[in-house]
Amino acid sequence: MSGKALHGLCAVALVSGTAVLAQPARSGGGSASGANKQICRTIVDTGSRLGRSRACHTAQEWAELRRQTQQTVDHIQNARPWNTCPPNC
């Protein structure tokens, strides 16, 4: 499952022009429960050594972002002209 998620994030990173580092950095703070614990990841702009930002979301929010990313990639791949052309065009 995490391999598919990583591939989805990488695919969106390539499409959007940003890259997400593979290793998430977990934020400190022991008072948050497991479901509401924030997971922070560093996002690096492709082509820049200085362009970095940090995104923090819960595990459920990261899962939703992965789902949306996969849906977007599937839409882009299926919307190509050669996929919609009739057999004898």
Protein backbone atom coordinates (compact mmCIF):
# COMPACT_ATOMS: atom_id res chain seq x y z
CA MET A 1 0.00 0.00 0.00
CA SER A 2 2.72 2.51 0.91
CA GLY A 3 4.53 1.71 -2.35
CA LYS A 4 1.44 2.64 -4.38
CA ALA A 5 1.04 5.82 -2.33
CA LEU A 6 4.66 6.76 -2.91
CA HIS A 7 4.29 6.17 -6.65
CA GLY A 8 1.15 8.30 -6.68
CA LEU A 9 2.87 11.14 -4.85
CA CYS A 10 5.86 10.91 -7.19
CA ALA A 11 3.60 10.96 -10.25
CA VAL A 12 1.82 14.08 -9.06
CA ALA A 13 5.12 15.67 -8.13
CA LEU A 14 6.33 15.14 -11.68
CA VAL A 15 3.12 16.54 -13.15
CA SER A 16 2.98 19.56 -10.83
CA GLY A 17 6.71 20.34 -10.90
CA THR A 18 7.44 19.60 -7.24
CA ALA A 19 8.98 16.61 -5.54
CA VAL A 20 8.06 15.12 -2.18
CA LEU A 21 10.81 13.56 -0.10
CA ALA A 22 10.18 9.88 0.51
CA GLN A 23 10.87 9.91 4.25
CA PRO A 24 8.19 11.64 6.31
CA ALA A 25 9.33 13.48 9.43
CA ARG A 26 6.94 13.02 12.32
CA SER A 27 6.28 16.07 14.42
CA GLY A 28 6.80 16.04 18.16
CA GLY A 29 3.97 16.31 20.63
CA GLY A 30 2.88 13.28 22.58
CA SER A 31 -0.54 14.69 23.52
CA ALA A 32 -2.12 14.03 20.09
CA SER A 33 -3.99 10.76 19.66
CA GLY A 34 -2.97 8.33 16.89
CA ALA A 35 -5.79 9.39 14.53
CA ASN A 36 -5.20 13.13 14.97
CA LYS A 37 -1.40 13.07 15.08
CA GLN A 38 0.19 15.44 12.58
CA ILE A 39 2.63 13.95 10.05
CA CYS A 40 4.92 16.54 8.48
CA ARG A 41 6.73 16.11 5.16
CA THR A 42 9.19 18.35 3.36
CA ILE A 43 8.19 19.31 -0.17
CA VAL A 44 11.04 20.33 -2.50
CA ASP A 45 10.56 22.41 -5.64
CA THR A 46 12.09 20.65 -8.64
CA GLY A 47 15.06 22.54 -10.06
CA SER A 48 15.73 24.56 -6.92
CA ARG A 49 18.05 23.82 -4.03
CA LEU A 50 16.42 26.48 -1.89
CA GLY A 51 12.72 26.04 -2.67
CA ARG A 52 11.42 23.89 0.15
CA SER A 53 8.25 23.93 2.17
CA ARG A 54 6.76 21.78 4.88
CA ALA A 55 3.27 20.28 4.84
CA CYS A 56 1.64 18.82 7.95
CA HIS A 57 -1.55 16.75 7.83
CA THR A 58 -3.14 13.89 9.72
CA ALA A 59 -2.80 10.34 8.42
CA GLN A 60 -6.38 10.48 7.13
CA GLU A 61 -5.69 13.74 5.27
CA TRP A 62 -2.51 12.28 3.68
CA ALA A 63 -4.56 9.26 2.57
CA GLU A 64 -7.17 11.57 1.00
CA LEU A 65 -4.43 13.56 -0.76
CA ARG A 66 -2.97 10.30 -2.13
CA ARG A 67 -6.44 9.25 -3.35
CA GLN A 68 -6.97 12.60 -5.07
CA THR A 69 -3.49 12.42 -6.58
CA GLN A 70 -4.14 8.94 -7.96
CA GLN A 71 -7.49 10.07 -9.34
CA THR A 72 -5.82 13.03 -11.08
CA VAL A 73 -3.08 10.86 -12.57
CA ASP A 74 -5.65 8.34 -13.81
CA HIS A 75 -7.69 11.17 -15.36
CA ILE A 76 -4.61 12.59 -17.14
CA GLN A 77 -3.56 9.18 -18.43
CA ASN A 78 -7.04 8.27 -19.65
CA ALA A 79 -7.73 11.65 -21.30
CA ARG A 80 -5.01 11.29 -23.92
CA PRO A 81 -6.17 11.66 -27.53
CA TRP A 82 -5.04 8.19 -28.62
CA ASN A 83 -7.24 6.64 -25.93
CA THR A 84 -10.39 8.33 -27.30
CA CYS A 85 -9.76 7.76 -31.01
CA PRO A 86 -11.97 5.18 -32.79
CA PRO A 87 -10.17 2.04 -34.00
CA ASN A 88 -10.03 3.09 -37.66
CA CYS A 89 -8.96 6.75 -37.40
